[in-house]
Amino acid sequence: MIPFLEEIKIKLNKEFNPKKLILVDNSYLHTKHKSFNPNKTHLKIIIESDELKKIEKLEAHKKIFKLLKHEMKEKIHALEIEIK
């Protein structure tokens, strides 16, 4: 079974072929929040992609959210995206 973050990396690499891709699990920063769920991740994506850089920031974020639609429902509580 592929670890969750590795699954995300595979999807993002396949779809956007980034020059650089970093995934950061920031869940530990949110453990004291009232809505914290240990079964869901607070994820930060840092992605360097020519394809995403060419389009408006909002559209790039929409593409990533669409790609990760299932994960957003099941395993991701919060998603931060940094496009370079």
Protein backbone atom coordinates (compact mmCIF):
# COMPACT_ATOMS: atom_id res chain seq x y z
CA MET A 1 0.00 0.00 0.00
CA ILE A 2 1.35 3.43 -0.98
CA PRO A 3 1.57 5.98 1.85
CA PHE A 4 -0.93 8.83 1.55
CA LEU A 5 1.56 11.63 0.80
CA GLU A 6 3.22 9.48 -1.84
CA GLU A 7 -0.16 8.96 -3.52
CA ILE A 8 -0.60 12.74 -3.66
CA LYS A 9 2.90 13.18 -5.12
CA ILE A 10 2.20 10.61 -7.82
CA LYS A 11 -1.05 12.32 -8.83
CA LEU A 12 0.50 15.80 -8.92
CA ASN A 13 3.57 14.61 -10.84
CA LYS A 14 1.44 12.77 -13.39
CA GLU A 15 -0.93 15.69 -13.95
CA PHE A 16 1.43 18.69 -13.84
CA ASN A 17 4.94 17.32 -14.38
CA PRO A 18 6.43 19.86 -11.95
CA LYS A 19 10.09 20.86 -11.84
CA LYS A 20 9.86 20.76 -8.06
CA LEU A 21 7.27 19.35 -5.68
CA ILE A 22 7.30 19.46 -1.89
CA LEU A 23 4.53 18.17 0.37
CA VAL A 24 4.49 19.24 4.00
CA ASP A 25 2.21 17.69 6.62
CA ASN A 26 1.39 20.57 8.97
CA SER A 27 -1.16 18.64 11.00
CA TYR A 28 0.91 18.92 14.16
CA LEU A 29 0.40 22.71 14.08
CA HIS A 30 -3.37 22.28 14.43
CA THR A 31 -3.74 19.63 17.16
CA LYS A 32 -5.23 22.11 19.64
CA HIS A 33 -7.87 23.41 17.21
CA LYS A 34 -11.44 22.56 18.11
CA SER A 35 -12.11 21.02 14.69
CA PHE A 36 -8.88 18.98 14.65
CA ASN A 37 -9.38 15.46 13.33
CA PRO A 38 -6.38 13.10 13.70
CA ASN A 39 -7.62 11.15 10.67
CA LYS A 40 -7.31 14.17 8.36
CA THR A 41 -4.24 16.08 7.21
CA HIS A 42 -3.35 19.75 7.07
CA LEU A 43 -1.30 19.67 3.90
CA LYS A 44 0.91 22.27 2.24
CA ILE A 45 1.87 21.81 -1.41
CA ILE A 46 4.79 23.74 -2.85
CA ILE A 47 4.85 23.17 -6.58
CA GLU A 48 6.99 24.62 -9.34
CA SER A 49 5.10 24.03 -12.56
CA ASP A 50 5.25 25.88 -15.88
CA GLU A 51 1.70 24.76 -16.64
CA LEU A 52 0.28 26.16 -13.41
CA LYS A 53 2.39 29.31 -13.54
CA LYS A 54 0.93 30.22 -16.96
CA ILE A 55 -2.63 30.43 -15.66
CA GLU A 56 -4.33 32.61 -13.04
CA LYS A 57 -3.68 31.61 -9.44
CA LEU A 58 -7.34 30.83 -8.78
CA GLU A 59 -7.55 28.56 -11.83
CA ALA A 60 -4.36 26.76 -10.81
CA HIS A 61 -5.77 26.16 -7.32
CA LYS A 62 -9.03 24.88 -8.83
CA LYS A 63 -7.10 22.38 -10.97
CA ILE A 64 -5.28 21.04 -7.91
CA PHE A 65 -8.47 20.86 -5.84
CA LYS A 66 -10.24 19.03 -8.68
CA LEU A 67 -7.38 16.54 -8.95
CA LEU A 68 -7.48 15.92 -5.19
CA LYS A 69 -11.28 15.95 -4.87
CA HIS A 70 -11.52 12.50 -3.31
CA GLU A 71 -8.64 13.13 -0.91
CA MET A 72 -10.23 16.43 0.16
CA LYS A 73 -13.40 14.57 1.14
CA GLU A 74 -11.69 11.70 2.89
CA LYS A 75 -8.21 12.60 4.16
CA ILE A 76 -7.39 16.31 3.84
CA HIS A 77 -8.88 18.84 6.24
CA ALA A 78 -6.94 21.87 5.01
CA LEU A 79 -4.86 22.49 1.90
CA GLU A 80 -2.35 25.29 1.40
CA ILE A 81 -0.93 25.71 -2.10
CA GLU A 82 2.16 27.66 -3.09
CA ILE A 83 2.84 27.86 -6.82
CA LYS A 84 6.28 28.90 -8.00
